[in-house]
């Protein structure tokens, strides 16, 4: 399998390493030319490549790992997702004038992933990875596996992703749809920033 990753920052590269370690390929893009990712691709090693946004978005499974303010522009450039799976790893955070820390964006009752889904024409959106801080996107850990919460309205898309998440070393937990599950996972939700471990002796910490 080859997964596309839109965004080559800390989150994008961390997920790329896990996908590669699971025996897959990744193709990545950023907001500039593919050549600007040569160093990152060399570090990631065999199975990693860089391409344009158009080429990355053509993969059957694509991870969206960009800053929130970039989401509308990316969705506009892609256009029609043609039923491909889009994993939304974003958080609805933005910087305001004079602010040193990002603040949550209000979406008039929508969850972040419902908003992404409204922009991503014909995409099968699944929310995942956003509730974990970058240093905890580690899959297998000593004594168990990191719990990965995910949510989506398309059950077939979630069934497709579950074995990938497992192969990446995580213990996947389906929270339901984008509204209910997404609310728990997004910034301000009960599970955002919570880093549980499913221990091998079946005890959660």
N, C-alpha and C. Protein backbone atom coordinates (compact mmCIF):
# COMPACT_ATOMS: atom_id res chain seq x y z
N UNK A 1 0.84 -1.19 0.00
CA UNK A 1 0.00 0.00 0.00
C UNK A 1 0.87 1.24 0.00
N UNK A 2 0.44 2.27 -0.70
CA UNK A 2 1.12 3.56 -0.67
C UNK A 2 0.15 4.59 -0.11
N UNK A 3 0.54 5.24 0.97
CA UNK A 3 -0.30 6.27 1.59
C UNK A 3 0.22 7.65 1.22
N UNK A 4 -0.68 8.58 1.00
CA UNK A 4 -0.30 9.95 0.75
C UNK A 4 -0.35 10.74 2.06
N UNK A 5 0.59 11.65 2.23
CA UNK A 5 0.61 12.50 3.41
C UNK A 5 0.73 13.95 2.96
N UNK A 6 -0.28 14.73 3.27
CA UNK A 6 -0.27 16.16 2.96
C UNK A 6 0.22 16.89 4.20
N UNK A 7 1.44 17.42 4.12
CA UNK A 7 2.07 18.05 5.27
C UNK A 7 3.29 17.26 5.68
N UNK A 8 4.43 17.94 5.77
CA UNK A 8 5.68 17.24 6.05
C UNK A 8 6.36 17.78 7.30
N UNK A 9 5.54 18.25 8.23
CA UNK A 9 6.07 18.70 9.51
C UNK A 9 6.30 17.53 10.45
N UNK A 10 6.35 17.81 11.74
CA UNK A 10 6.62 16.79 12.74
C UNK A 10 5.61 15.65 12.67
N UNK A 11 4.32 15.98 12.62
CA UNK A 11 3.28 14.95 12.58
C UNK A 11 3.37 14.13 11.30
N UNK A 12 3.46 14.81 10.16
CA UNK A 12 3.52 14.11 8.89
C UNK A 12 4.69 13.15 8.81
N UNK A 13 5.87 13.59 9.25
CA UNK A 13 7.05 12.73 9.18
C UNK A 13 6.99 11.59 10.19
N UNK A 14 6.42 11.86 11.37
CA UNK A 14 6.28 10.80 12.37
C UNK A 14 5.38 9.69 11.85
N UNK A 15 4.24 10.07 11.28
CA UNK A 15 3.32 9.07 10.74
C UNK A 15 3.93 8.35 9.54
N UNK A 16 4.71 9.06 8.75
CA UNK A 16 5.38 8.43 7.63
C UNK A 16 6.31 7.32 8.11
N UNK A 17 7.06 7.57 9.17
CA UNK A 17 7.97 6.55 9.71
C UNK A 17 7.21 5.31 10.16
N UNK A 18 6.08 5.50 10.81
CA UNK A 18 5.30 4.37 11.29
C UNK A 18 4.68 3.57 10.13
N UNK A 19 4.23 4.27 9.12
CA UNK A 19 3.65 3.59 7.95
C UNK A 19 4.72 2.80 7.21
N UNK A 20 5.89 3.39 7.08
CA UNK A 20 7.00 2.69 6.43
C UNK A 20 7.43 1.48 7.24
N UNK A 21 7.50 1.62 8.55
CA UNK A 21 7.90 0.51 9.41
C UNK A 21 6.91 -0.65 9.35
N UNK A 22 5.66 -0.33 8.97
CA UNK A 22 4.63 -1.36 8.83
C UNK A 22 4.69 -2.05 7.47
N UNK A 23 5.69 -1.70 6.65
CA UNK A 23 5.88 -2.38 5.37
C UNK A 23 5.20 -1.72 4.19
N UNK A 24 4.82 -0.45 4.33
CA UNK A 24 4.13 0.26 3.26
C UNK A 24 5.02 1.34 2.67
N UNK A 25 4.49 2.06 1.68
CA UNK A 25 5.17 3.19 1.08
C UNK A 25 4.42 4.47 1.43
N UNK A 26 5.13 5.59 1.35
CA UNK A 26 4.50 6.89 1.56
C UNK A 26 4.96 7.86 0.49
N UNK A 27 4.07 8.74 0.10
CA UNK A 27 4.42 9.84 -0.79
C UNK A 27 3.91 11.11 -0.13
N UNK A 28 4.79 12.10 -0.01
CA UNK A 28 4.48 13.28 0.79
C UNK A 28 4.55 14.56 -0.04
N UNK A 29 3.88 15.59 0.46
CA UNK A 29 3.99 16.90 -0.15
C UNK A 29 3.92 17.97 0.94
N UNK A 30 4.41 19.15 0.61
CA UNK A 30 4.24 20.32 1.47
C UNK A 30 3.70 21.45 0.62
N UNK A 31 3.81 22.67 1.10
CA UNK A 31 3.24 23.80 0.37
C UNK A 31 4.18 24.31 -0.73
N UNK A 32 5.36 23.69 -0.85
CA UNK A 32 6.33 24.12 -1.85
C UNK A 32 6.58 23.01 -2.87
N UNK A 33 7.69 23.07 -3.54
CA UNK A 33 8.01 22.08 -4.56
C UNK A 33 8.51 20.78 -3.92
N UNK A 34 8.28 19.62 -4.57
CA UNK A 34 8.72 18.34 -4.01
C UNK A 34 10.21 18.31 -3.67
N UNK A 35 11.03 19.05 -4.44
CA UNK A 35 12.48 19.05 -4.22
C UNK A 35 12.85 19.55 -2.83
N UNK A 36 11.99 20.38 -2.23
CA UNK A 36 12.30 20.93 -0.90
C UNK A 36 12.22 19.87 0.19
N UNK A 37 11.69 18.70 -0.14
CA UNK A 37 11.57 17.61 0.83
C UNK A 37 12.67 16.57 0.69
N UNK A 38 13.68 16.86 -0.12
CA UNK A 38 14.71 15.86 -0.40
C UNK A 38 15.41 15.38 0.87
N UNK A 39 15.71 16.28 1.78
CA UNK A 39 16.39 15.89 3.02
C UNK A 39 15.50 14.99 3.88
N UNK A 40 14.22 15.37 4.01
CA UNK A 40 13.29 14.57 4.81
C UNK A 40 13.09 13.19 4.20
N UNK A 41 12.98 13.13 2.89
CA UNK A 41 12.77 11.85 2.21
C UNK A 41 14.00 10.96 2.36
N UNK A 42 15.18 11.55 2.28
CA UNK A 42 16.41 10.78 2.47
C UNK A 42 16.46 10.20 3.88
N UNK A 43 16.05 11.00 4.86
CA UNK A 43 16.05 10.53 6.25
C UNK A 43 15.04 9.41 6.46
N UNK A 44 13.87 9.53 5.84
CA UNK A 44 12.83 8.50 5.98
C UNK A 44 13.27 7.19 5.33
N UNK A 45 14.00 7.28 4.25
CA UNK A 45 14.58 6.09 3.63
C UNK A 45 13.71 5.39 2.61
N UNK A 46 14.00 4.12 2.40
CA UNK A 46 13.35 3.32 1.36
C UNK A 46 11.83 3.32 1.51
N UNK A 47 11.15 3.53 0.39
CA UNK A 47 9.69 3.52 0.38
C UNK A 47 9.08 4.90 0.48
N UNK A 48 9.89 5.93 0.77
CA UNK A 48 9.39 7.30 0.89
C UNK A 48 9.72 8.10 -0.37
N UNK A 49 8.80 8.95 -0.77
CA UNK A 49 9.02 9.81 -1.92
C UNK A 49 8.25 11.10 -1.75
N UNK A 50 8.60 12.09 -2.54
CA UNK A 50 7.90 13.38 -2.52
C UNK A 50 7.24 13.62 -3.87
N UNK A 51 6.13 14.35 -3.84
CA UNK A 51 5.39 14.62 -5.08
C UNK A 51 4.58 15.89 -4.89
N UNK A 52 3.80 16.22 -5.90
CA UNK A 52 2.93 17.39 -5.80
C UNK A 52 1.67 17.03 -5.02
N UNK A 53 0.93 18.04 -4.59
CA UNK A 53 -0.33 17.81 -3.89
C UNK A 53 -1.28 16.98 -4.74
N UNK A 54 -1.35 17.26 -6.03
CA UNK A 54 -2.25 16.52 -6.92
C UNK A 54 -1.92 15.04 -6.91
N UNK A 55 -0.63 14.70 -6.95
CA UNK A 55 -0.22 13.30 -6.98
C UNK A 55 -0.44 12.62 -5.63
N UNK A 56 -0.15 13.33 -4.56
CA UNK A 56 -0.35 12.77 -3.21
C UNK A 56 -1.82 12.49 -2.95
N UNK A 57 -2.68 13.40 -3.35
CA UNK A 57 -4.11 13.25 -3.08
C UNK A 57 -4.77 12.16 -3.91
N UNK A 58 -4.07 11.60 -4.88
CA UNK A 58 -4.61 10.52 -5.71
C UNK A 58 -4.49 9.14 -5.04
N UNK A 59 -3.78 9.04 -3.92
CA UNK A 59 -3.64 7.75 -3.24
C UNK A 59 -4.97 7.34 -2.61
N UNK A 60 -5.17 6.05 -2.46
CA UNK A 60 -6.43 5.56 -1.89
C UNK A 60 -6.63 6.00 -0.44
N UNK A 61 -5.52 6.15 0.29
CA UNK A 61 -5.57 6.62 1.67
C UNK A 61 -4.63 7.82 1.78
N UNK A 62 -5.16 8.94 2.26
CA UNK A 62 -4.39 10.18 2.37
C UNK A 62 -4.55 10.74 3.78
N UNK A 63 -3.44 11.17 4.37
CA UNK A 63 -3.47 11.79 5.70
C UNK A 63 -3.31 13.29 5.54
N UNK A 64 -4.21 14.03 6.17
CA UNK A 64 -4.15 15.50 6.17
C UNK A 64 -3.49 15.94 7.46
N UNK A 65 -2.26 16.46 7.37
CA UNK A 65 -1.50 16.85 8.56
C UNK A 65 -0.93 18.25 8.36
N UNK A 66 -1.82 19.22 8.26
CA UNK A 66 -1.41 20.61 8.03
C UNK A 66 -2.01 21.50 9.11
N UNK A 67 -1.53 22.74 9.16
CA UNK A 67 -2.13 23.72 10.08
C UNK A 67 -3.57 24.00 9.64
N UNK A 68 -4.42 24.29 10.61
CA UNK A 68 -5.84 24.46 10.36
C UNK A 68 -6.14 25.51 9.29
N UNK A 69 -5.43 26.63 9.33
CA UNK A 69 -5.71 27.71 8.39
C UNK A 69 -5.42 27.31 6.94
N UNK A 70 -4.68 26.23 6.76
CA UNK A 70 -4.33 25.76 5.42
C UNK A 70 -5.39 24.84 4.83
N UNK A 71 -6.26 24.31 5.66
CA UNK A 71 -7.22 23.29 5.22
C UNK A 71 -8.09 23.75 4.04
N UNK A 72 -8.74 24.92 4.09
CA UNK A 72 -9.60 25.31 2.95
C UNK A 72 -8.84 25.39 1.63
N UNK A 73 -7.62 25.90 1.65
CA UNK A 73 -6.84 26.01 0.42
C UNK A 73 -6.51 24.64 -0.15
N UNK A 74 -6.12 23.71 0.74
CA UNK A 74 -5.81 22.35 0.28
C UNK A 74 -7.04 21.70 -0.35
N UNK A 75 -8.18 21.81 0.32
CA UNK A 75 -9.41 21.19 -0.19
C UNK A 75 -9.82 21.79 -1.53
N UNK A 76 -9.62 23.09 -1.68
CA UNK A 76 -9.96 23.75 -2.93
C UNK A 76 -9.07 23.26 -4.07
N UNK A 77 -7.79 23.06 -3.76
CA UNK A 77 -6.85 22.62 -4.79
C UNK A 77 -7.11 21.17 -5.22
N UNK A 78 -7.52 20.33 -4.27
CA UNK A 78 -7.77 18.93 -4.61
C UNK A 78 -9.05 18.78 -5.40
N UNK A 79 -10.09 19.47 -4.99
CA UNK A 79 -11.37 19.36 -5.69
C UNK A 79 -12.14 18.12 -5.26
N UNK A 80 -12.25 17.13 -6.13
CA UNK A 80 -13.06 15.94 -5.87
C UNK A 80 -12.17 14.79 -5.40
N UNK A 81 -12.52 14.22 -4.23
CA UNK A 81 -11.73 13.12 -3.67
C UNK A 81 -12.17 11.75 -4.20
N UNK A 82 -13.28 11.70 -4.91
CA UNK A 82 -13.72 10.47 -5.60
C UNK A 82 -13.72 9.24 -4.68
N UNK A 83 -14.29 9.42 -3.49
CA UNK A 83 -14.49 8.33 -2.51
C UNK A 83 -13.20 7.80 -1.89
N UNK A 84 -12.09 8.50 -2.08
CA UNK A 84 -10.86 8.09 -1.41
C UNK A 84 -10.96 8.39 0.09
N UNK A 85 -10.17 7.68 0.89
CA UNK A 85 -10.19 7.86 2.34
C UNK A 85 -9.27 9.00 2.72
N UNK A 86 -9.80 9.96 3.47
CA UNK A 86 -9.02 11.09 3.96
C UNK A 86 -8.96 11.02 5.48
N UNK A 87 -7.78 10.80 6.03
CA UNK A 87 -7.59 10.78 7.48
C UNK A 87 -7.29 12.20 7.93
N UNK A 88 -8.16 12.74 8.74
CA UNK A 88 -8.01 14.10 9.23
C UNK A 88 -7.23 14.09 10.54
N UNK A 89 -5.98 14.54 10.49
CA UNK A 89 -5.14 14.59 11.68
C UNK A 89 -4.98 16.01 12.20
N UNK A 90 -5.85 16.92 11.76
CA UNK A 90 -5.73 18.33 12.14
C UNK A 90 -6.43 18.62 13.46
N UNK A 91 -6.09 19.75 14.03
CA UNK A 91 -6.82 20.32 15.17
C UNK A 91 -7.26 21.73 14.80
N UNK A 92 -8.46 22.11 15.24
CA UNK A 92 -9.02 23.41 14.85
C UNK A 92 -8.42 24.52 15.70
N UNK A 93 -7.14 24.82 15.42
CA UNK A 93 -6.40 25.84 16.15
C UNK A 93 -5.84 26.86 15.18
N UNK A 94 -5.84 28.13 15.58
CA UNK A 94 -5.31 29.19 14.74
C UNK A 94 -4.58 30.20 15.60
N UNK A 95 -3.73 30.99 14.98
CA UNK A 95 -3.05 32.09 15.66
C UNK A 95 -3.75 33.39 15.32
N UNK A 96 -4.01 34.20 16.33
CA UNK A 96 -4.58 35.52 16.10
C UNK A 96 -3.49 36.56 16.23
N UNK A 97 -3.78 37.76 15.78
CA UNK A 97 -2.80 38.83 15.81
C UNK A 97 -2.31 39.07 17.23
N UNK A 98 -1.01 38.99 17.41
CA UNK A 98 -0.42 39.25 18.71
C UNK A 98 -0.38 38.06 19.64
N UNK A 99 -0.99 36.93 19.25
CA UNK A 99 -1.03 35.76 20.14
C UNK A 99 0.25 34.94 20.00
N UNK A 100 0.68 34.35 21.11
CA UNK A 100 1.87 33.50 21.09
C UNK A 100 1.49 32.03 21.11
N UNK A 101 0.24 31.75 21.42
CA UNK A 101 -0.24 30.37 21.43
C UNK A 101 -1.48 30.26 20.55
N UNK A 102 -1.67 29.11 19.89
CA UNK A 102 -2.87 28.94 19.06
C UNK A 102 -4.12 28.86 19.92
N UNK A 103 -5.23 29.31 19.38
CA UNK A 103 -6.51 29.26 20.09
C UNK A 103 -7.52 28.46 19.26
N UNK A 104 -8.49 27.81 19.93
CA UNK A 104 -9.49 27.02 19.19
C UNK A 104 -10.37 27.89 18.30
N UNK A 105 -10.74 27.34 17.16
CA UNK A 105 -11.64 28.02 16.22
C UNK A 105 -13.07 27.53 16.48
N UNK A 106 -14.01 28.44 16.59
CA UNK A 106 -15.41 28.08 16.77
C UNK A 106 -16.06 27.79 15.43
N UNK A 107 -16.79 26.70 15.35
CA UNK A 107 -17.34 26.24 14.07
C UNK A 107 -18.86 26.14 14.08
N UNK A 108 -19.51 26.94 14.92
CA UNK A 108 -20.98 26.98 14.95
C UNK A 108 -21.61 25.61 15.13
N UNK A 109 -21.10 24.84 16.08
CA UNK A 109 -21.70 23.56 16.41
C UNK A 109 -21.13 22.37 15.66
N UNK A 110 -20.33 22.61 14.62
CA UNK A 110 -19.71 21.52 13.88
C UNK A 110 -18.43 21.08 14.59
N UNK A 111 -18.08 19.81 14.46
CA UNK A 111 -16.75 19.37 14.90
C UNK A 111 -15.75 19.71 13.80
N UNK A 112 -14.48 19.68 14.16
CA UNK A 112 -13.45 19.99 13.17
C UNK A 112 -13.52 19.09 11.96
N UNK A 113 -13.73 17.80 12.18
CA UNK A 113 -13.76 16.86 11.06
C UNK A 113 -15.03 16.98 10.24
N UNK A 114 -16.13 17.39 10.85
CA UNK A 114 -17.33 17.67 10.06
C UNK A 114 -17.07 18.84 9.12
N UNK A 115 -16.32 19.81 9.61
CA UNK A 115 -15.96 20.95 8.76
C UNK A 115 -15.06 20.50 7.62
N UNK A 116 -14.04 19.70 7.94
CA UNK A 116 -13.15 19.18 6.90
C UNK A 116 -13.95 18.39 5.87
N UNK A 117 -14.86 17.54 6.36
CA UNK A 117 -15.68 16.73 5.47
C UNK A 117 -16.56 17.59 4.56
N UNK A 118 -17.02 18.72 5.08
CA UNK A 118 -17.87 19.61 4.27
C UNK A 118 -17.08 20.24 3.12
N UNK A 119 -15.77 20.34 3.28
CA UNK A 119 -14.93 20.93 2.24
C UNK A 119 -14.34 19.89 1.29
N UNK A 120 -14.18 18.66 1.79
CA UNK A 120 -13.53 17.60 1.03
C UNK A 120 -14.59 16.84 0.21
N UNK A 121 -14.85 17.30 -0.99
CA UNK A 121 -15.91 16.75 -1.82
C UNK A 121 -15.73 15.26 -2.06
N UNK A 122 -16.72 14.48 -1.67
CA UNK A 122 -16.78 13.02 -1.90
C UNK A 122 -15.67 12.24 -1.19
N UNK A 123 -15.03 12.84 -0.20
CA UNK A 123 -14.03 12.10 0.58
C UNK A 123 -14.72 11.30 1.68
N UNK A 124 -14.11 10.17 2.03
CA UNK A 124 -14.58 9.39 3.17
C UNK A 124 -13.65 9.75 4.34
N UNK A 125 -14.10 10.68 5.16
CA UNK A 125 -13.25 11.28 6.19
C UNK A 125 -13.27 10.46 7.47
N UNK A 126 -12.07 10.20 7.98
CA UNK A 126 -11.91 9.52 9.27
C UNK A 126 -10.99 10.39 10.13
N UNK A 127 -11.43 10.72 11.32
CA UNK A 127 -10.61 11.49 12.26
C UNK A 127 -9.67 10.55 13.00
N UNK A 128 -8.37 10.88 13.03
CA UNK A 128 -7.40 10.04 13.75
C UNK A 128 -6.11 10.82 13.97
N UNK A 129 -5.37 10.44 14.97
CA UNK A 129 -4.04 10.94 15.31
C UNK A 129 -4.03 12.33 15.95
N UNK A 130 -5.06 13.14 15.76
CA UNK A 130 -5.01 14.52 16.25
C UNK A 130 -5.01 14.62 17.77
N UNK A 131 -5.54 13.61 18.45
CA UNK A 131 -5.63 13.69 19.91
C UNK A 131 -4.32 13.34 20.60
N UNK A 132 -3.33 12.86 19.84
CA UNK A 132 -2.03 12.50 20.40
C UNK A 132 -1.02 13.61 20.15
N UNK A 133 -0.26 13.99 21.18
CA UNK A 133 0.86 14.89 20.96
C UNK A 133 1.92 14.15 20.14
N UNK A 134 2.69 14.90 19.37
CA UNK A 134 3.65 14.29 18.46
C UNK A 134 4.58 13.28 19.11
N UNK A 135 5.05 13.59 20.31
CA UNK A 135 6.01 12.68 20.97
C UNK A 135 5.36 11.39 21.44
N UNK A 136 4.02 11.33 21.40
CA UNK A 136 3.32 10.12 21.81
C UNK A 136 2.72 9.35 20.63
N UNK A 137 3.05 9.75 19.42
CA UNK A 137 2.64 8.99 18.24
C UNK A 137 3.66 7.90 17.99
N UNK A 138 3.74 6.97 18.94
CA UNK A 138 4.83 6.01 18.94
C UNK A 138 4.38 4.57 18.74
N UNK A 139 3.07 4.32 18.58
CA UNK A 139 2.61 2.96 18.34
C UNK A 139 2.99 2.03 19.47
N UNK A 140 3.83 1.05 19.18
CA UNK A 140 4.26 0.11 20.21
C UNK A 140 5.13 0.82 21.25
N UNK A 141 4.83 0.58 22.51
CA UNK A 141 5.62 1.11 23.60
C UNK A 141 5.98 -0.04 24.53
N UNK A 142 6.89 0.20 25.45
CA UNK A 142 7.32 -0.85 26.36
C UNK A 142 6.14 -1.38 27.17
N UNK A 143 5.80 -2.63 26.95
CA UNK A 143 4.72 -3.25 27.71
C UNK A 143 3.35 -3.16 27.09
N UNK A 144 3.23 -2.55 25.90
CA UNK A 144 1.90 -2.47 25.30
C UNK A 144 1.87 -1.64 24.03
N UNK A 145 0.70 -1.09 23.73
CA UNK A 145 0.50 -0.30 22.52
C UNK A 145 -0.23 0.99 22.86
N UNK A 146 0.16 2.06 22.21
CA UNK A 146 -0.52 3.34 22.41
C UNK A 146 -1.95 3.24 21.87
N UNK A 147 -2.91 3.71 22.65
CA UNK A 147 -4.31 3.71 22.20
C UNK A 147 -4.51 4.81 21.17
N UNK A 148 -5.10 4.45 20.04
CA UNK A 148 -5.39 5.41 18.98
C UNK A 148 -6.90 5.50 18.82
N UNK A 149 -7.46 6.64 19.18
CA UNK A 149 -8.88 6.87 18.97
C UNK A 149 -9.11 7.33 17.53
N UNK A 150 -10.21 6.87 16.95
CA UNK A 150 -10.57 7.32 15.61
C UNK A 150 -12.08 7.35 15.46
N UNK A 151 -12.57 8.13 14.51
CA UNK A 151 -14.01 8.29 14.31
C UNK A 151 -14.29 8.58 12.84
N UNK A 152 -15.49 8.19 12.39
CA UNK A 152 -15.85 8.45 11.00
C UNK A 152 -17.27 7.99 10.73
N UNK A 153 -17.88 8.56 9.71
CA UNK A 153 -19.26 8.21 9.36
C UNK A 153 -19.34 7.06 8.36
N UNK A 154 -18.20 6.70 7.75
CA UNK A 154 -18.17 5.63 6.76
C UNK A 154 -17.56 4.38 7.40
N UNK A 155 -18.39 3.39 7.70
CA UNK A 155 -17.90 2.19 8.39
C UNK A 155 -16.91 1.40 7.56
N UNK A 156 -17.09 1.36 6.26
CA UNK A 156 -16.16 0.62 5.41
C UNK A 156 -14.77 1.26 5.41
N UNK A 157 -14.74 2.59 5.45
CA UNK A 157 -13.46 3.28 5.53
C UNK A 157 -12.75 2.95 6.84
N UNK A 158 -13.51 2.91 7.92
CA UNK A 158 -12.91 2.59 9.22
C UNK A 158 -12.42 1.14 9.25
N UNK A 159 -13.17 0.24 8.62
CA UNK A 159 -12.73 -1.17 8.56
C UNK A 159 -11.45 -1.30 7.76
N UNK A 160 -11.31 -0.48 6.72
CA UNK A 160 -10.09 -0.50 5.91
C UNK A 160 -8.89 -0.01 6.71
N UNK A 161 -9.10 1.00 7.54
CA UNK A 161 -8.00 1.62 8.27
C UNK A 161 -7.58 0.86 9.52
N UNK A 162 -8.51 0.12 10.13
CA UNK A 162 -8.22 -0.55 11.39
C UNK A 162 -6.96 -1.42 11.32
N UNK A 163 -6.80 -2.28 10.30
CA UNK A 163 -5.58 -3.09 10.24
C UNK A 163 -4.33 -2.26 9.99
N UNK A 164 -4.44 -1.13 9.29
CA UNK A 164 -3.30 -0.26 9.09
C UNK A 164 -2.86 0.33 10.43
N UNK A 165 -3.83 0.81 11.21
CA UNK A 165 -3.51 1.38 12.52
C UNK A 165 -2.84 0.33 13.41
N UNK A 166 -3.34 -0.90 13.34
CA UNK A 166 -2.76 -1.98 14.13
C UNK A 166 -1.34 -2.28 13.68
N UNK A 167 -1.12 -2.32 12.36
CA UNK A 167 0.21 -2.59 11.82
C UNK A 167 1.20 -1.49 12.19
N UNK A 168 0.70 -0.28 12.41
CA UNK A 168 1.55 0.84 12.82
C UNK A 168 1.92 0.76 14.29
N UNK A 169 1.36 -0.24 14.99
CA UNK A 169 1.71 -0.46 16.38
C UNK A 169 0.71 0.06 17.38
N UNK A 170 -0.39 0.65 16.91
CA UNK A 170 -1.38 1.23 17.81
C UNK A 170 -2.43 0.20 18.24
N UNK A 171 -3.18 0.55 19.28
CA UNK A 171 -4.36 -0.20 19.68
C UNK A 171 -5.55 0.68 19.30
N UNK A 172 -6.20 0.43 18.14
CA UNK A 172 -7.25 1.32 17.64
C UNK A 172 -8.56 1.17 18.40
N UNK A 173 -9.21 2.29 18.69
CA UNK A 173 -10.51 2.31 19.36
C UNK A 173 -11.45 3.20 18.56
N UNK A 174 -12.52 2.61 18.03
CA UNK A 174 -13.51 3.31 17.22
C UNK A 174 -14.49 4.04 18.13
N UNK A 175 -14.59 5.37 17.98
CA UNK A 175 -15.47 6.18 18.82
C UNK A 175 -16.79 6.52 18.13
N UNK A 176 -17.04 5.97 16.95
CA UNK A 176 -18.31 6.24 16.28
C UNK A 176 -18.16 7.28 15.18
N UNK A 177 -19.17 8.13 15.04
CA UNK A 177 -19.22 9.09 13.95
C UNK A 177 -18.42 10.35 14.18
N UNK A 178 -18.34 11.19 13.14
CA UNK A 178 -17.57 12.41 13.21
C UNK A 178 -18.12 13.40 14.22
N UNK A 179 -19.42 13.41 14.43
CA UNK A 179 -19.99 14.34 15.40
C UNK A 179 -19.72 13.89 16.82
N UNK A 180 -20.12 12.67 17.16
CA UNK A 180 -19.96 12.21 18.53
C UNK A 180 -18.50 11.94 18.87
N UNK A 181 -17.85 11.12 18.05
CA UNK A 181 -16.45 10.80 18.30
C UNK A 181 -15.53 11.98 18.11
N UNK A 182 -15.82 12.77 17.07
CA UNK A 182 -14.99 13.93 16.80
C UNK A 182 -15.02 14.94 17.92
N UNK A 183 -16.16 15.06 18.57
CA UNK A 183 -16.29 16.00 19.69
C UNK A 183 -15.40 15.59 20.85
N UNK A 184 -15.27 14.29 21.08
CA UNK A 184 -14.41 13.80 22.15
C UNK A 184 -12.93 13.99 21.82
N UNK A 185 -12.59 13.92 20.53
CA UNK A 185 -11.19 13.93 20.11
C UNK A 185 -10.63 15.32 19.85
N UNK A 186 -11.48 16.27 19.47
CA UNK A 186 -10.96 17.55 19.05
C UNK A 186 -10.50 18.40 20.24
N UNK A 187 -9.86 19.52 19.95
CA UNK A 187 -9.38 20.42 20.99
C UNK A 187 -10.54 20.79 21.93
N UNK A 188 -10.31 20.61 23.21
CA UNK A 188 -11.35 20.86 24.19
C UNK A 188 -12.16 19.63 24.54
N UNK A 189 -12.02 18.55 23.77
CA UNK A 189 -12.73 17.32 24.02
C UNK A 189 -12.07 16.50 25.13
N UNK A 190 -12.84 15.58 25.67
CA UNK A 190 -12.38 14.81 26.82
C UNK A 190 -11.16 13.95 26.52
N UNK A 191 -10.96 13.57 25.27
CA UNK A 191 -9.88 12.65 24.93
C UNK A 191 -8.70 13.32 24.22
N UNK A 192 -8.81 14.61 23.95
CA UNK A 192 -7.70 15.30 23.27
C UNK A 192 -6.55 15.48 24.25
N UNK A 193 -5.37 15.02 23.84
CA UNK A 193 -4.20 15.13 24.69
C UNK A 193 -4.09 14.06 25.75
N UNK A 194 -4.94 13.02 25.63
CA UNK A 194 -4.86 11.89 26.57
C UNK A 194 -4.07 10.76 25.91
N UNK A 195 -3.11 10.21 26.62
CA UNK A 195 -2.17 9.26 26.02
C UNK A 195 -2.20 7.94 26.77
N UNK A 196 -3.23 7.15 26.49
CA UNK A 196 -3.42 5.87 27.15
C UNK A 196 -2.56 4.78 26.51
N UNK A 197 -2.25 3.78 27.30
CA UNK A 197 -1.54 2.60 26.80
C UNK A 197 -2.38 1.37 27.08
N UNK A 198 -2.59 0.55 26.05
CA UNK A 198 -3.24 -0.75 26.22
C UNK A 198 -2.11 -1.73 26.51
N UNK A 199 -2.03 -2.18 27.75
CA UNK A 199 -0.95 -3.06 28.14
C UNK A 199 -1.19 -4.48 27.67
N UNK A 200 -0.12 -5.23 27.50
CA UNK A 200 -0.25 -6.59 27.00
C UNK A 200 -1.01 -7.47 27.96
N UNK A 201 -1.06 -7.14 29.24
CA UNK A 201 -1.83 -7.94 30.19
C UNK A 201 -3.26 -7.42 30.32
N UNK A 202 -3.71 -6.66 29.27
CA UNK A 202 -5.09 -6.19 29.17
C UNK A 202 -5.48 -5.23 30.28
N UNK A 203 -4.55 -4.44 30.76
CA UNK A 203 -4.86 -3.43 31.74
C UNK A 203 -4.55 -2.07 31.14
N UNK A 204 -5.53 -1.16 31.16
CA UNK A 204 -5.33 0.17 30.60
C UNK A 204 -4.82 1.12 31.69
N UNK A 205 -3.87 1.96 31.31
CA UNK A 205 -3.35 2.98 32.20
C UNK A 205 -3.73 4.34 31.67
